[in-house]
N, C-alpha and C. Protein backbone atom coordinates (compact mmCIF):
# COMPACT_ATOMS: atom_id res chain seq x y z
N MET A 1 73.19 -3.44 270.24
CA MET A 1 72.13 -3.51 269.26
C MET A 1 72.27 -2.33 268.31
N GLU A 2 72.21 -2.61 266.99
CA GLU A 2 72.28 -1.56 265.99
C GLU A 2 70.89 -1.12 265.59
N LYS A 3 70.78 0.13 265.24
CA LYS A 3 69.51 0.67 264.78
C LYS A 3 69.72 1.33 263.44
N ILE A 4 68.78 1.17 262.59
CA ILE A 4 68.80 1.84 261.30
C ILE A 4 67.61 2.77 261.25
N ALA A 5 67.88 4.04 261.02
CA ALA A 5 66.79 5.01 260.94
C ALA A 5 66.59 5.43 259.50
N ARG A 6 65.38 5.38 259.06
CA ARG A 6 65.02 5.82 257.71
C ARG A 6 63.75 6.64 257.82
N SER A 7 63.75 7.76 257.16
CA SER A 7 62.52 8.53 257.14
C SER A 7 61.68 8.07 255.96
N PHE A 8 60.41 8.01 256.15
CA PHE A 8 59.50 7.65 255.07
C PHE A 8 58.17 8.31 255.33
N GLU A 9 57.38 8.35 254.31
CA GLU A 9 56.07 8.98 254.41
C GLU A 9 55.03 7.99 253.95
N CYS A 10 53.99 7.84 254.72
CA CYS A 10 52.88 6.98 254.35
C CYS A 10 51.66 7.86 254.10
N LYS A 11 51.20 7.88 252.89
CA LYS A 11 50.03 8.69 252.55
C LYS A 11 48.83 7.78 252.34
N GLU A 12 47.72 8.20 252.87
CA GLU A 12 46.46 7.49 252.60
C GLU A 12 46.09 7.74 251.14
N TRP A 13 45.69 6.70 250.45
CA TRP A 13 45.29 6.88 249.05
C TRP A 13 43.90 7.48 249.02
N ASP A 14 43.85 8.81 249.08
CA ASP A 14 42.55 9.46 249.02
C ASP A 14 42.20 9.82 247.58
N ASP A 15 43.06 9.39 246.64
CA ASP A 15 42.84 9.71 245.23
C ASP A 15 42.41 8.45 244.47
N LYS A 16 41.49 7.72 245.03
CA LYS A 16 40.99 6.49 244.41
C LYS A 16 40.60 6.77 242.96
N GLY A 17 41.05 5.90 242.10
CA GLY A 17 40.71 6.04 240.69
C GLY A 17 41.85 6.56 239.84
N THR A 18 42.99 6.87 240.43
CA THR A 18 44.10 7.39 239.64
C THR A 18 44.92 6.26 239.03
N PHE A 19 45.49 6.55 237.88
CA PHE A 19 46.32 5.57 237.19
C PHE A 19 47.28 6.30 236.25
N SER A 20 48.24 5.57 235.73
CA SER A 20 49.19 6.16 234.79
C SER A 20 49.66 5.10 233.81
N GLY A 21 50.28 5.55 232.74
CA GLY A 21 50.82 4.64 231.75
C GLY A 21 51.17 5.38 230.47
N TYR A 22 51.41 4.61 229.42
CA TYR A 22 51.74 5.18 228.12
C TYR A 22 50.58 5.03 227.16
N ALA A 23 50.09 6.18 226.69
CA ALA A 23 49.00 6.18 225.71
C ALA A 23 49.53 5.84 224.33
N SER A 24 50.79 6.13 224.09
CA SER A 24 51.44 5.83 222.81
C SER A 24 52.92 5.63 223.09
N VAL A 25 53.52 4.68 222.41
CA VAL A 25 54.95 4.40 222.57
C VAL A 25 55.64 4.67 221.25
N PHE A 26 56.73 5.40 221.31
CA PHE A 26 57.45 5.79 220.10
C PHE A 26 58.23 4.62 219.50
N GLY A 27 58.32 4.63 218.17
CA GLY A 27 59.25 3.77 217.47
C GLY A 27 58.80 2.37 217.11
N ASN A 28 57.65 1.92 217.58
CA ASN A 28 57.21 0.57 217.20
C ASN A 28 56.01 0.67 216.25
N ILE A 29 55.81 -0.37 215.49
CA ILE A 29 54.74 -0.38 214.49
C ILE A 29 53.45 -0.88 215.13
N ASP A 30 52.38 -0.08 214.99
CA ASP A 30 51.09 -0.49 215.54
C ASP A 30 50.32 -1.37 214.56
N SER A 31 49.15 -1.79 214.93
CA SER A 31 48.38 -2.73 214.10
C SER A 31 47.86 -2.09 212.82
N HIS A 32 47.97 -0.77 212.70
CA HIS A 32 47.56 -0.08 211.47
C HIS A 32 48.74 0.20 210.56
N GLY A 33 49.95 -0.24 210.98
CA GLY A 33 51.14 -0.02 210.18
C GLY A 33 51.80 1.32 210.41
N ASP A 34 51.41 2.03 211.48
CA ASP A 34 51.96 3.35 211.77
C ASP A 34 53.02 3.27 212.87
N ILE A 35 53.99 4.16 212.75
CA ILE A 35 54.99 4.40 213.79
C ILE A 35 54.77 5.84 214.25
N VAL A 36 54.71 6.06 215.56
CA VAL A 36 54.60 7.42 216.08
C VAL A 36 56.00 7.89 216.43
N ALA A 37 56.40 9.04 215.89
CA ALA A 37 57.72 9.61 216.14
C ALA A 37 57.70 10.51 217.37
N LYS A 38 58.84 10.56 218.04
CA LYS A 38 58.99 11.49 219.17
C LYS A 38 58.72 12.90 218.66
N GLY A 39 57.94 13.65 219.42
CA GLY A 39 57.58 15.01 219.04
C GLY A 39 56.23 15.10 218.35
N ALA A 40 55.62 13.96 218.05
CA ALA A 40 54.34 13.95 217.32
C ALA A 40 53.22 14.65 218.09
N PHE A 41 53.32 14.71 219.41
CA PHE A 41 52.26 15.30 220.23
C PHE A 41 52.56 16.74 220.66
N ASP A 42 53.67 17.29 220.18
CA ASP A 42 54.07 18.64 220.62
C ASP A 42 52.97 19.67 220.45
N ASP A 43 52.34 19.73 219.29
CA ASP A 43 51.31 20.74 219.04
C ASP A 43 50.10 20.54 219.95
N THR A 44 49.66 19.30 220.10
CA THR A 44 48.52 19.01 220.98
C THR A 44 48.83 19.41 222.42
N LEU A 45 50.03 19.08 222.88
CA LEU A 45 50.40 19.39 224.26
C LEU A 45 50.54 20.90 224.47
N ALA A 46 51.06 21.59 223.47
CA ALA A 46 51.17 23.05 223.56
C ALA A 46 49.78 23.69 223.60
N GLU A 47 48.88 23.19 222.77
CA GLU A 47 47.50 23.72 222.78
C GLU A 47 46.81 23.42 224.11
N ALA A 48 47.03 22.22 224.64
CA ALA A 48 46.43 21.85 225.92
C ALA A 48 46.93 22.77 227.03
N LYS A 49 48.21 23.09 226.99
CA LYS A 49 48.77 23.99 228.00
C LYS A 49 48.18 25.40 227.84
N ARG A 50 48.07 25.85 226.60
CA ARG A 50 47.55 27.19 226.31
C ARG A 50 46.08 27.33 226.73
N THR A 51 45.29 26.28 226.49
CA THR A 51 43.85 26.34 226.77
C THR A 51 43.46 25.69 228.09
N ASN A 52 44.43 25.08 228.76
CA ASN A 52 44.18 24.36 230.02
C ASN A 52 43.13 23.27 229.84
N THR A 53 43.19 22.57 228.69
CA THR A 53 42.23 21.51 228.39
C THR A 53 42.96 20.33 227.75
N LEU A 54 42.93 19.19 228.41
CA LEU A 54 43.53 17.98 227.84
C LEU A 54 42.48 17.22 227.03
N PRO A 55 42.91 16.38 226.11
CA PRO A 55 41.96 15.56 225.35
C PRO A 55 41.09 14.70 226.27
N ALA A 56 40.00 14.20 225.74
CA ALA A 56 39.04 13.41 226.53
C ALA A 56 39.62 12.06 226.96
N LEU A 57 39.15 11.56 228.09
CA LEU A 57 39.46 10.22 228.58
C LEU A 57 38.21 9.37 228.37
N LEU A 58 38.28 8.50 227.36
CA LEU A 58 37.12 7.68 226.99
C LEU A 58 37.37 6.20 227.26
N TRP A 59 36.33 5.43 227.15
CA TRP A 59 36.35 3.96 227.23
C TRP A 59 36.11 3.45 225.81
N GLN A 60 37.03 2.66 225.29
CA GLN A 60 36.91 2.03 223.96
C GLN A 60 36.60 3.05 222.86
N HIS A 61 37.25 4.20 222.90
CA HIS A 61 37.07 5.27 221.91
C HIS A 61 35.62 5.75 221.81
N GLY A 62 34.86 5.60 222.89
CA GLY A 62 33.49 6.10 222.90
C GLY A 62 32.52 5.27 222.09
N MET A 63 32.86 4.02 221.80
CA MET A 63 31.99 3.17 220.98
C MET A 63 30.66 2.87 221.64
N GLU A 64 30.60 3.00 222.96
CA GLU A 64 29.34 2.78 223.68
C GLU A 64 28.76 4.10 224.16
N GLY A 65 29.08 5.16 223.46
CA GLY A 65 28.66 6.51 223.87
C GLY A 65 29.90 7.30 224.25
N ALA A 66 30.00 8.50 223.79
CA ALA A 66 31.22 9.28 223.96
C ALA A 66 31.34 9.98 225.31
N MET A 67 30.57 9.56 226.31
CA MET A 67 30.70 10.17 227.63
C MET A 67 32.04 9.75 228.24
N PRO A 68 32.81 10.70 228.73
CA PRO A 68 34.09 10.35 229.36
C PRO A 68 33.90 9.44 230.57
N VAL A 69 34.96 8.67 230.87
CA VAL A 69 34.95 7.83 232.08
C VAL A 69 35.84 8.44 233.16
N GLY A 70 36.36 9.62 232.90
CA GLY A 70 37.22 10.31 233.84
C GLY A 70 37.86 11.49 233.16
N ARG A 71 39.03 11.89 233.68
CA ARG A 71 39.75 13.01 233.06
C ARG A 71 41.25 12.78 233.19
N TRP A 72 41.97 13.33 232.24
CA TRP A 72 43.43 13.27 232.29
C TRP A 72 43.91 14.38 233.21
N THR A 73 44.86 14.07 234.08
CA THR A 73 45.41 15.07 234.98
C THR A 73 46.81 15.50 234.54
N SER A 74 47.46 14.69 233.73
CA SER A 74 48.80 15.00 233.25
C SER A 74 49.05 14.27 231.94
N MET A 75 49.78 14.92 231.05
CA MET A 75 50.10 14.33 229.76
C MET A 75 51.41 14.97 229.29
N HIS A 76 52.43 14.16 229.02
CA HIS A 76 53.69 14.70 228.52
C HIS A 76 54.45 13.63 227.73
N GLU A 77 55.29 14.10 226.83
CA GLU A 77 56.19 13.20 226.10
C GLU A 77 57.47 13.02 226.89
N ASP A 78 57.98 11.78 226.91
CA ASP A 78 59.32 11.53 227.40
C ASP A 78 60.03 10.70 226.32
N ASP A 79 61.15 10.12 226.61
CA ASP A 79 61.89 9.38 225.59
C ASP A 79 61.15 8.12 225.11
N SER A 80 60.24 7.60 225.92
CA SER A 80 59.52 6.37 225.56
C SER A 80 58.25 6.62 224.77
N GLY A 81 57.53 7.69 225.10
CA GLY A 81 56.26 7.93 224.42
C GLY A 81 55.44 9.00 225.11
N LEU A 82 54.14 8.92 224.92
CA LEU A 82 53.21 9.86 225.54
C LEU A 82 52.77 9.27 226.88
N HIS A 83 53.32 9.81 227.96
CA HIS A 83 52.98 9.34 229.30
C HIS A 83 51.79 10.13 229.81
N VAL A 84 50.82 9.42 230.39
CA VAL A 84 49.60 10.06 230.87
C VAL A 84 49.30 9.63 232.29
N GLU A 85 48.63 10.51 233.01
CA GLU A 85 48.08 10.20 234.32
C GLU A 85 46.64 10.65 234.30
N GLY A 86 45.76 9.83 234.85
CA GLY A 86 44.35 10.16 234.82
C GLY A 86 43.62 9.74 236.07
N LYS A 87 42.38 10.15 236.14
CA LYS A 87 41.51 9.80 237.27
C LYS A 87 40.18 9.32 236.71
N ILE A 88 39.81 8.10 237.05
CA ILE A 88 38.55 7.50 236.62
C ILE A 88 37.42 7.99 237.53
N ALA A 89 36.28 8.27 236.94
CA ALA A 89 35.09 8.68 237.69
C ALA A 89 34.46 7.43 238.31
N THR A 90 34.94 7.04 239.47
CA THR A 90 34.54 5.77 240.08
C THR A 90 33.12 5.78 240.64
N LYS A 91 32.48 6.94 240.72
CA LYS A 91 31.10 6.99 241.24
C LYS A 91 30.08 6.90 240.12
N THR A 92 30.54 6.67 238.89
CA THR A 92 29.63 6.39 237.79
C THR A 92 29.66 4.90 237.52
N ALA A 93 28.61 4.34 236.96
CA ALA A 93 28.55 2.90 236.72
C ALA A 93 29.68 2.45 235.79
N ARG A 94 29.85 3.14 234.67
CA ARG A 94 30.89 2.75 233.70
C ARG A 94 32.27 2.96 234.30
N GLY A 95 32.46 4.09 234.98
CA GLY A 95 33.76 4.36 235.60
C GLY A 95 34.12 3.32 236.64
N ALA A 96 33.15 2.92 237.47
CA ALA A 96 33.40 1.89 238.49
C ALA A 96 33.80 0.58 237.84
N ASP A 97 33.12 0.21 236.75
CA ASP A 97 33.45 -1.03 236.04
C ASP A 97 34.87 -0.97 235.46
N VAL A 98 35.17 0.14 234.79
CA VAL A 98 36.49 0.30 234.17
C VAL A 98 37.58 0.24 235.24
N TYR A 99 37.38 0.96 236.33
CA TYR A 99 38.38 1.00 237.39
C TYR A 99 38.60 -0.36 238.04
N GLU A 100 37.53 -1.08 238.30
CA GLU A 100 37.66 -2.42 238.90
C GLU A 100 38.43 -3.35 237.98
N LEU A 101 38.13 -3.30 236.68
CA LEU A 101 38.85 -4.13 235.71
C LEU A 101 40.32 -3.72 235.60
N MET A 102 40.59 -2.43 235.72
CA MET A 102 41.98 -1.97 235.70
C MET A 102 42.74 -2.46 236.93
N LYS A 103 42.12 -2.37 238.11
CA LYS A 103 42.78 -2.80 239.34
C LYS A 103 43.17 -4.27 239.28
N MET A 104 42.31 -5.09 238.70
CA MET A 104 42.61 -6.53 238.67
C MET A 104 43.49 -6.91 237.48
N GLY A 105 43.83 -5.95 236.62
CA GLY A 105 44.71 -6.21 235.49
C GLY A 105 44.01 -6.75 234.25
N ALA A 106 42.69 -6.86 234.30
CA ALA A 106 41.95 -7.39 233.15
C ALA A 106 41.82 -6.35 232.03
N LEU A 107 42.00 -5.09 232.35
CA LEU A 107 41.89 -4.00 231.39
C LEU A 107 43.12 -3.12 231.57
N ASN A 108 44.03 -3.15 230.59
CA ASN A 108 45.26 -2.38 230.78
C ASN A 108 45.79 -1.75 229.50
N GLY A 109 44.97 -1.69 228.46
CA GLY A 109 45.42 -1.08 227.21
C GLY A 109 45.00 0.38 227.11
N MET A 110 45.78 1.13 226.33
CA MET A 110 45.43 2.51 226.03
C MET A 110 45.58 2.71 224.53
N SER A 111 44.79 3.62 223.99
CA SER A 111 44.81 3.88 222.56
C SER A 111 44.46 5.34 222.32
N ILE A 112 45.03 5.90 221.26
CA ILE A 112 44.82 7.32 220.97
C ILE A 112 43.86 7.50 219.80
N GLY A 113 43.03 8.53 219.90
CA GLY A 113 42.15 8.96 218.82
C GLY A 113 42.71 10.27 218.28
N TYR A 114 43.10 10.28 217.01
CA TYR A 114 43.83 11.43 216.49
C TYR A 114 43.57 11.63 215.00
N ARG A 115 44.05 12.77 214.50
CA ARG A 115 44.12 13.02 213.06
C ARG A 115 45.58 13.32 212.75
N ALA A 116 46.17 12.58 211.83
CA ALA A 116 47.55 12.82 211.44
C ALA A 116 47.64 14.15 210.69
N THR A 117 48.59 15.00 211.07
CA THR A 117 48.76 16.29 210.40
C THR A 117 50.07 16.36 209.62
N SER A 118 51.03 15.48 209.95
CA SER A 118 52.29 15.41 209.22
C SER A 118 52.82 13.99 209.33
N TRP A 119 53.22 13.42 208.19
CA TRP A 119 53.70 12.05 208.20
C TRP A 119 54.64 11.81 207.03
N ILE A 120 55.35 10.70 207.12
CA ILE A 120 56.20 10.23 206.04
C ILE A 120 55.63 8.89 205.57
N MET A 121 55.30 8.79 204.30
CA MET A 121 54.82 7.52 203.74
C MET A 121 56.04 6.65 203.41
N HIS A 122 55.90 5.37 203.68
CA HIS A 122 57.00 4.44 203.40
C HIS A 122 56.64 3.57 202.19
N GLY A 123 57.66 3.10 201.53
CA GLY A 123 57.46 2.25 200.36
C GLY A 123 57.17 0.81 200.74
N LYS A 124 56.99 -0.01 199.71
CA LYS A 124 56.63 -1.42 199.90
C LYS A 124 57.68 -2.20 200.70
N ASN A 125 58.92 -1.80 200.63
CA ASN A 125 59.98 -2.55 201.30
C ASN A 125 60.16 -2.17 202.77
N HIS A 126 59.41 -1.23 203.25
CA HIS A 126 59.49 -0.81 204.65
C HIS A 126 58.42 -1.55 205.44
N PRO A 127 58.74 -2.01 206.64
CA PRO A 127 57.73 -2.75 207.42
C PRO A 127 56.54 -1.90 207.87
N ALA A 128 56.73 -0.58 207.96
CA ALA A 128 55.63 0.29 208.37
C ALA A 128 55.03 0.98 207.15
N ARG A 129 53.77 1.33 207.27
CA ARG A 129 53.07 2.07 206.22
C ARG A 129 53.50 3.53 206.22
N ARG A 130 53.56 4.13 207.43
CA ARG A 130 53.97 5.53 207.55
C ARG A 130 54.49 5.81 208.96
N THR A 131 55.23 6.91 209.07
CA THR A 131 55.69 7.42 210.36
C THR A 131 54.96 8.73 210.62
N LEU A 132 54.28 8.80 211.74
CA LEU A 132 53.51 9.99 212.12
C LEU A 132 54.45 10.99 212.79
N LYS A 133 54.65 12.14 212.15
CA LYS A 133 55.52 13.18 212.69
C LYS A 133 54.76 14.16 213.57
N ALA A 134 53.46 14.36 213.27
CA ALA A 134 52.62 15.26 214.07
C ALA A 134 51.18 14.78 214.00
N VAL A 135 50.49 14.83 215.13
CA VAL A 135 49.09 14.43 215.18
C VAL A 135 48.30 15.43 216.02
N LYS A 136 47.03 15.57 215.69
CA LYS A 136 46.08 16.32 216.51
C LYS A 136 45.37 15.28 217.36
N LEU A 137 45.63 15.28 218.64
CA LEU A 137 45.08 14.29 219.56
C LEU A 137 43.72 14.75 220.06
N PHE A 138 42.69 13.93 219.83
CA PHE A 138 41.33 14.26 220.26
C PHE A 138 40.95 13.56 221.56
N GLU A 139 41.42 12.32 221.73
CA GLU A 139 41.08 11.57 222.93
C GLU A 139 42.08 10.46 223.14
N VAL A 140 42.16 10.02 224.38
CA VAL A 140 42.95 8.83 224.75
C VAL A 140 42.00 7.92 225.49
N SER A 141 41.91 6.67 225.02
CA SER A 141 40.95 5.73 225.58
C SER A 141 41.61 4.60 226.36
N ILE A 142 40.89 4.12 227.36
CA ILE A 142 41.21 2.86 228.01
C ILE A 142 40.56 1.80 227.13
N VAL A 143 41.35 0.82 226.68
CA VAL A 143 40.83 -0.18 225.75
C VAL A 143 41.27 -1.58 226.15
N SER A 144 40.56 -2.55 225.64
CA SER A 144 40.92 -3.94 225.90
C SER A 144 41.96 -4.46 224.90
N ASP A 145 42.03 -3.86 223.72
CA ASP A 145 42.95 -4.33 222.68
C ASP A 145 43.58 -3.12 221.98
N PRO A 146 44.70 -2.61 222.49
CA PRO A 146 45.29 -1.41 221.92
C PRO A 146 45.94 -1.67 220.55
N SER A 147 45.87 -0.67 219.68
CA SER A 147 46.54 -0.78 218.38
C SER A 147 48.05 -0.86 218.55
N ASN A 148 48.57 -0.10 219.49
CA ASN A 148 49.99 -0.14 219.82
C ASN A 148 50.11 -1.06 221.03
N GLY A 149 50.59 -2.26 220.82
CA GLY A 149 50.64 -3.26 221.88
C GLY A 149 51.44 -2.86 223.10
N LEU A 150 52.29 -1.84 222.97
CA LEU A 150 53.09 -1.38 224.10
C LEU A 150 52.41 -0.25 224.87
N ALA A 151 51.27 0.24 224.40
CA ALA A 151 50.55 1.33 225.07
C ALA A 151 49.70 0.71 226.19
N ARG A 152 50.18 0.84 227.41
CA ARG A 152 49.55 0.13 228.54
C ARG A 152 49.47 1.00 229.78
N VAL A 153 48.49 0.68 230.62
CA VAL A 153 48.40 1.23 231.97
C VAL A 153 49.51 0.55 232.76
N ASP A 154 50.29 1.33 233.49
CA ASP A 154 51.36 0.69 234.26
C ASP A 154 51.20 0.82 235.77
N ALA A 155 50.26 1.63 236.22
CA ALA A 155 50.03 1.76 237.66
C ALA A 155 48.59 2.18 237.91
N VAL A 156 47.94 1.50 238.84
CA VAL A 156 46.58 1.85 239.26
C VAL A 156 46.62 1.97 240.77
N LYS A 157 46.19 3.12 241.28
CA LYS A 157 46.18 3.34 242.72
C LYS A 157 44.79 3.11 243.27
N SER A 158 44.75 2.63 244.52
CA SER A 158 43.46 2.40 245.16
C SER A 158 43.59 2.54 246.66
N HIS A 159 42.46 2.61 247.32
CA HIS A 159 42.46 2.62 248.79
C HIS A 159 43.08 1.34 249.31
N ASP A 160 42.90 0.22 248.60
CA ASP A 160 43.44 -1.06 249.03
C ASP A 160 44.96 -1.00 249.16
N GLU A 161 45.63 -0.29 248.25
CA GLU A 161 47.08 -0.18 248.31
C GLU A 161 47.51 0.52 249.58
N GLY A 162 46.82 1.59 249.94
CA GLY A 162 47.15 2.30 251.17
C GLY A 162 46.97 1.42 252.39
N ALA A 163 45.91 0.65 252.41
CA ALA A 163 45.67 -0.26 253.53
C ALA A 163 46.75 -1.33 253.60
N ARG A 164 47.14 -1.89 252.45
CA ARG A 164 48.21 -2.91 252.44
C ARG A 164 49.52 -2.30 252.92
N LEU A 165 49.83 -1.09 252.50
CA LEU A 165 51.05 -0.43 252.92
C LEU A 165 51.04 -0.18 254.43
N LYS A 166 49.92 0.29 254.96
CA LYS A 166 49.83 0.53 256.40
C LYS A 166 50.03 -0.77 257.19
N ARG A 167 49.41 -1.88 256.71
CA ARG A 167 49.59 -3.17 257.38
C ARG A 167 51.05 -3.60 257.34
N ALA A 168 51.68 -3.46 256.19
CA ALA A 168 53.09 -3.86 256.04
C ALA A 168 53.98 -3.02 256.96
N LEU A 169 53.71 -1.72 257.05
CA LEU A 169 54.50 -0.86 257.92
C LEU A 169 54.28 -1.21 259.38
N ALA A 170 53.05 -1.53 259.76
CA ALA A 170 52.76 -1.93 261.14
C ALA A 170 53.48 -3.24 261.47
N GLU A 171 53.49 -4.20 260.54
CA GLU A 171 54.19 -5.46 260.75
C GLU A 171 55.69 -5.22 260.87
N LEU A 172 56.23 -4.33 260.02
CA LEU A 172 57.65 -4.01 260.09
C LEU A 172 57.99 -3.36 261.42
N ALA A 173 57.17 -2.42 261.86
CA ALA A 173 57.40 -1.75 263.14
C ALA A 173 57.37 -2.75 264.29
N ALA A 174 56.42 -3.69 264.26
CA ALA A 174 56.31 -4.71 265.30
C ALA A 174 57.55 -5.61 265.28
N ALA A 175 58.02 -5.96 264.11
CA ALA A 175 59.20 -6.83 264.00
C ALA A 175 60.45 -6.10 264.51
N VAL A 176 60.56 -4.81 264.25
CA VAL A 176 61.71 -4.03 264.71
C VAL A 176 61.69 -3.91 266.24
N ARG A 177 60.48 -3.74 266.80
CA ARG A 177 60.35 -3.61 268.25
C ARG A 177 60.63 -4.95 268.95
N ALA A 178 60.39 -6.05 268.30
CA ALA A 178 60.52 -7.37 268.93
C ALA A 178 61.97 -7.77 269.16
C-alpha cells in the first residue's frame, strides 16, 4: 500500500466579513470614458502609508448616507489594477445586508470615488475621453453597477467556508483510512 503525505493547514474562518478584489482595473474604458493608468494611485497609497489611513469603504458611494460599511485592510497596485482587501462590519444592519449579498454573488461590483489630479485628454478619434495618470482617492465603494465593469469582488470569506473545508477534510481523511 502506498501512502502520500502532504502537510496542510486548516484555519477556522474567524475573520467573517473579509473579502478582496479589484477596485479599479487598468487599461480598460469605464462608463464615463476614462482609462485608469498604472501608477494613478501612487500618491494616494503613499499618503495612506504615511498617515496609516486608507480611504473609506462605503456602500453605493454613500448615496444612502456616508456611514462606512466596513474598513479597508489592504490596498496596493499590481499589474492588473488597484487590489483591495476589506472587512465588512457584519454586526451592523447595512453591513450584514451587504455581506450576505456579497456571499451569494448578488453584489460584486466595486467603484472608486476620486478627484483626477493628472490626466491626458483624448481627441474625437480616440475611444476614451481621457486617461487618468493620477487621482486622489477618497473612497472605494461596494456597488451593484460599477463604472469599470472589470472592478469586481473576487473572494468573500465566511464561517461557512471553514465549515465546508473541515467537512471535506474529514471526508478525505475517512476515505484515506478506508
